[in-house]
Amino acid sequence: MLTFNDNKAGMSGLDKERINKIIESNTSGNYSNFSKKQQDRINEKTESIKKRLQAVSPAEWSRAEKEMDELAARLECHRDLRRDCVHIDMDAYFAAVEMRDDPSLRTVPMAIGTSSML
């Protein structure tokens, strides 16, 4: 079930119950059916994996563990730690800057980015 999350800037004071009713009335049938089918697929796949794992002998399990240890060792030899990769999500920063520059934005819903992102 989708619900409204009012823990975002500008969302305080909104009628959460009314908004949740609107979301439920517009999505309940389609979303519920989709969710049930998706959960059924997940359960089916989980059961299939469990059955396959139960059929594995201790010797096969041991051999698989050995192969994974060897693979991990080979991969470790090629790992390059000379470079770093950093990802910084700046949405909250840019929102704070905009609210600092225009205090009226503190009480309304807003998004940071271009309109193509919305």
C-alpha atoms as a PDB file:
ATOM      1  CA  MET A   1       0.000   0.000   0.000  1.00  0.00           C
ATOM      2  CA  LEU A   2       1.363   3.412  -0.956  1.00  0.00           C
ATOM      3  CA  THR A   3       1.088   6.074   1.705  1.00  0.00           C
ATOM      4  CA  PHE A   4       1.817   9.762   1.822  1.00  0.00           C
ATOM      5  CA  ASN A   5       5.108  10.725   3.456  1.00  0.00           C
ATOM      6  CA  ASP A   6       4.898  14.173   5.029  1.00  0.00           C
ATOM      7  CA  ASN A   7       8.441  14.088   6.429  1.00  0.00           C
ATOM      8  CA  LYS A   8       9.736  16.393   3.712  1.00  0.00           C
ATOM      9  CA  ALA A   9      10.303  20.121   3.536  1.00  0.00           C
ATOM     10  CA  GLY A  10       7.064  22.064   3.134  1.00  0.00           C
ATOM     11  CA  MET A  11       4.810  19.074   3.839  1.00  0.00           C
ATOM     12  CA  SER A  12       4.003  19.766   7.490  1.00  0.00           C
ATOM     13  CA  GLY A  13       0.438  20.759   8.252  1.00  0.00           C
ATOM     14  CA  LEU A  14      -1.105  18.914   5.312  1.00  0.00           C
ATOM     15  CA  ASP A  15      -4.108  16.642   5.907  1.00  0.00           C
ATOM     16  CA  LYS A  16      -2.282  13.308   5.787  1.00  0.00           C
ATOM     17  CA  GLU A  17      -5.436  11.215   6.278  1.00  0.00           C
ATOM     18  CA  ARG A  18      -7.261  12.916   3.378  1.00  0.00           C
ATOM     19  CA  ILE A  19      -4.233  12.563   1.094  1.00  0.00           C
ATOM     20  CA  ASN A  20      -3.879   8.866   1.994  1.00  0.00           C
ATOM     21  CA  LYS A  21      -7.574   8.304   1.158  1.00  0.00           C
ATOM     22  CA  ILE A  22      -7.078   9.928  -2.260  1.00  0.00           C
ATOM     23  CA  ILE A  23      -4.003   7.781  -2.921  1.00  0.00           C
ATOM     24  CA  GLU A  24      -5.854   4.636  -1.822  1.00  0.00           C
ATOM     25  CA  SER A  25      -8.941   5.351  -3.927  1.00  0.00           C
ATOM     26  CA  ASN A  26      -6.866   5.996  -7.040  1.00  0.00           C
ATOM     27  CA  THR A  27      -4.389   3.144  -6.699  1.00  0.00           C
ATOM     28  CA  SER A  28      -5.881   0.426  -4.515  1.00  0.00           C
ATOM     29  CA  GLY A  29      -7.113  -2.009  -7.184  1.00  0.00           C
ATOM     30  CA  ASN A  30      -4.260  -1.745  -9.628  1.00  0.00           C
ATOM     31  CA  TYR A  31      -1.565  -1.465  -7.002  1.00  0.00           C
ATOM     32  CA  SER A  32      -2.972  -4.289  -4.875  1.00  0.00           C
ATOM     33  CA  ASN A  33      -3.190  -6.621  -7.869  1.00  0.00           C
ATOM     34  CA  PHE A  34       0.309  -5.702  -9.001  1.00  0.00           C
ATOM     35  CA  SER A  35       1.704  -6.144  -5.475  1.00  0.00           C
ATOM     36  CA  LYS A  36       0.037  -9.544  -5.064  1.00  0.00           C
ATOM     37  CA  LYS A  37       1.366 -10.805  -8.411  1.00  0.00           C
ATOM     38  CA  GLN A  38       4.822  -9.482  -7.619  1.00  0.00           C
ATOM     39  CA  GLN A  39       4.798 -11.116  -4.166  1.00  0.00           C
ATOM     40  CA  ASP A  40       3.593 -14.404  -5.689  1.00  0.00           C
ATOM     41  CA  ARG A  41       6.513 -14.323  -8.160  1.00  0.00           C
ATOM     42  CA  ILE A  42       8.962 -13.614  -5.347  1.00  0.00           C
ATOM     43  CA  ASN A  43       7.531 -16.453  -3.231  1.00  0.00           C
ATOM     44  CA  GLU A  44       7.716 -18.835  -6.203  1.00  0.00           C
ATOM     45  CA  LYS A  45      11.330 -17.948  -6.889  1.00  0.00           C
ATOM     46  CA  THR A  46      12.226 -18.225  -3.195  1.00  0.00           C
ATOM     47  CA  GLU A  47      10.705 -21.700  -2.969  1.00  0.00           C
ATOM     48  CA  SER A  48      12.534 -22.774  -6.116  1.00  0.00           C
ATOM     49  CA  ILE A  49      15.869 -21.603  -4.696  1.00  0.00           C
ATOM     50  CA  LYS A  50      15.173 -23.306  -1.346  1.00  0.00           C
ATOM     51  CA  LYS A  51      14.422 -26.611  -3.108  1.00  0.00           C
ATOM     52  CA  ARG A  52      17.640 -26.378  -5.130  1.00  0.00           C
ATOM     53  CA  LEU A  53      19.668 -25.636  -1.991  1.00  0.00           C
ATOM     54  CA  GLN A  54      18.128 -28.585  -0.129  1.00  0.00           C
ATOM     55  CA  ALA A  55      19.164 -30.884  -2.978  1.00  0.00           C
ATOM     56  CA  VAL A  56      22.847 -29.878  -2.719  1.00  0.00           C
ATOM     57  CA  SER A  57      25.062 -32.526  -1.134  1.00  0.00           C
ATOM     58  CA  PRO A  58      27.696 -31.631   1.483  1.00  0.00           C
ATOM     59  CA  ALA A  59      30.429 -32.461  -1.061  1.00  0.00           C
ATOM     60  CA  GLU A  60      28.892 -30.094  -3.643  1.00  0.00           C
ATOM     61  CA  TRP A  61      28.533 -27.410  -0.988  1.00  0.00           C
ATOM     62  CA  SER A  62      32.182 -27.792   0.012  1.00  0.00           C
ATOM     63  CA  ARG A  63      33.340 -27.680  -3.617  1.00  0.00           C
ATOM     64  CA  ALA A  64      31.284 -24.528  -4.273  1.00  0.00           C
ATOM     65  CA  GLU A  65      32.765 -22.820  -1.199  1.00  0.00           C
ATOM     66  CA  LYS A  66      36.279 -23.716  -2.369  1.00  0.00           C
ATOM     67  CA  GLU A  67      35.570 -22.340  -5.864  1.00  0.00           C
ATOM     68  CA  MET A  68      34.232 -19.090  -4.387  1.00  0.00           C
ATOM     69  CA  ASP A  69      37.280 -18.714  -2.130  1.00  0.00           C
ATOM     70  CA  GLU A  70      39.569 -19.209  -5.151  1.00  0.00           C
ATOM     71  CA  LEU A  71      37.564 -16.706  -7.206  1.00  0.00           C
ATOM     72  CA  ALA A  72      37.689 -14.141  -4.382  1.00  0.00           C
ATOM     73  CA  ALA A  73      41.470 -14.576  -4.134  1.00  0.00           C
ATOM     74  CA  ARG A  74      41.889 -14.098  -7.916  1.00  0.00           C
ATOM     75  CA  LEU A  75      39.714 -10.982  -7.885  1.00  0.00           C
ATOM     76  CA  GLU A  76      41.570  -9.571  -4.880  1.00  0.00           C
ATOM     77  CA  CYS A  77      44.841  -9.745  -6.857  1.00  0.00           C
ATOM     78  CA  HIS A  78      43.384  -7.411  -9.498  1.00  0.00           C
ATOM     79  CA  ARG A  79      41.748  -4.898  -7.162  1.00  0.00           C
ATOM     80  CA  ASP A  80      43.121  -1.373  -7.608  1.00  0.00           C
ATOM     81  CA  LEU A  81      42.931   0.760  -4.471  1.00  0.00           C
ATOM     82  CA  ARG A  82      44.915   3.677  -5.906  1.00  0.00           C
ATOM     83  CA  ARG A  83      41.752   5.516  -6.967  1.00  0.00           C
ATOM     84  CA  ASP A  84      38.658   6.591  -5.086  1.00  0.00           C
ATOM     85  CA  CYS A  85      35.156   7.109  -6.383  1.00  0.00           C
ATOM     86  CA  VAL A  86      32.840   9.369  -4.378  1.00  0.00           C
ATOM     87  CA  HIS A  87      29.161  10.119  -4.988  1.00  0.00           C
ATOM     88  CA  ILE A  88      27.625  13.044  -3.100  1.00  0.00           C
ATOM     89  CA  ASP A  89      23.872  13.665  -3.150  1.00  0.00           C
ATOM     90  CA  MET A  90      23.517  17.447  -2.909  1.00  0.00           C
ATOM     91  CA  ASP A  91      19.707  17.850  -3.051  1.00  0.00           C
ATOM     92  CA  ALA A  92      19.355  18.730   0.635  1.00  0.00           C
ATOM     93  CA  TYR A  93      22.213  21.223   0.416  1.00  0.00           C
ATOM     94  CA  PHE A  94      20.736  23.035  -2.587  1.00  0.00           C
ATOM     95  CA  ALA A  95      17.280  23.024  -0.969  1.00  0.00           C
ATOM     96  CA  ALA A  96      18.756  24.597   2.176  1.00  0.00           C
ATOM     97  CA  VAL A  97      20.486  27.287   0.095  1.00  0.00           C
ATOM     98  CA  GLU A  98      17.227  28.114  -1.713  1.00  0.00           C
ATOM     99  CA  MET A  99      15.312  28.255   1.601  1.00  0.00           C
ATOM    100  CA  ARG A 100      18.005  30.519   3.057  1.00  0.00           C
ATOM    101  CA  ASP A 101      17.736  32.874   0.087  1.00  0.00           C
ATOM    102  CA  ASP A 102      13.913  32.751  -0.041  1.00  0.00           C
ATOM    103  CA  PRO A 103      12.370  31.953   3.391  1.00  0.00           C
ATOM    104  CA  SER A 104       8.885  31.571   1.838  1.00  0.00           C
ATOM    105  CA  LEU A 105      10.065  28.232   0.425  1.00  0.00           C
ATOM    106  CA  ARG A 106      10.275  26.808   3.958  1.00  0.00           C
ATOM    107  CA  THR A 107       6.513  26.271   4.121  1.00  0.00           C
ATOM    108  CA  VAL A 108       5.767  24.884   0.657  1.00  0.00           C
ATOM    109  CA  PRO A 109       6.593  21.609  -1.104  1.00  0.00           C
ATOM    110  CA  MET A 110       9.588  21.973  -3.393  1.00  0.00           C
ATOM    111  CA  ALA A 111      11.912  19.931  -5.546  1.00  0.00           C
ATOM    112  CA  ILE A 112      15.497  20.526  -6.579  1.00  0.00           C
ATOM    113  CA  GLY A 113      16.550  19.888 -10.165  1.00  0.00           C
ATOM    114  CA  THR A 114      15.201  20.497 -13.622  1.00  0.00           C
ATOM    115  CA  SER A 115      11.579  19.980 -14.629  1.00  0.00           C
ATOM    116  CA  SER A 116      12.631  16.938 -16.673  1.00  0.00           C
ATOM    117  CA  MET A 117      13.459  15.194 -13.385  1.00  0.00           C
ATOM    118  CA  LEU A 118       9.944  15.633 -12.008  1.00  0.00           C
END
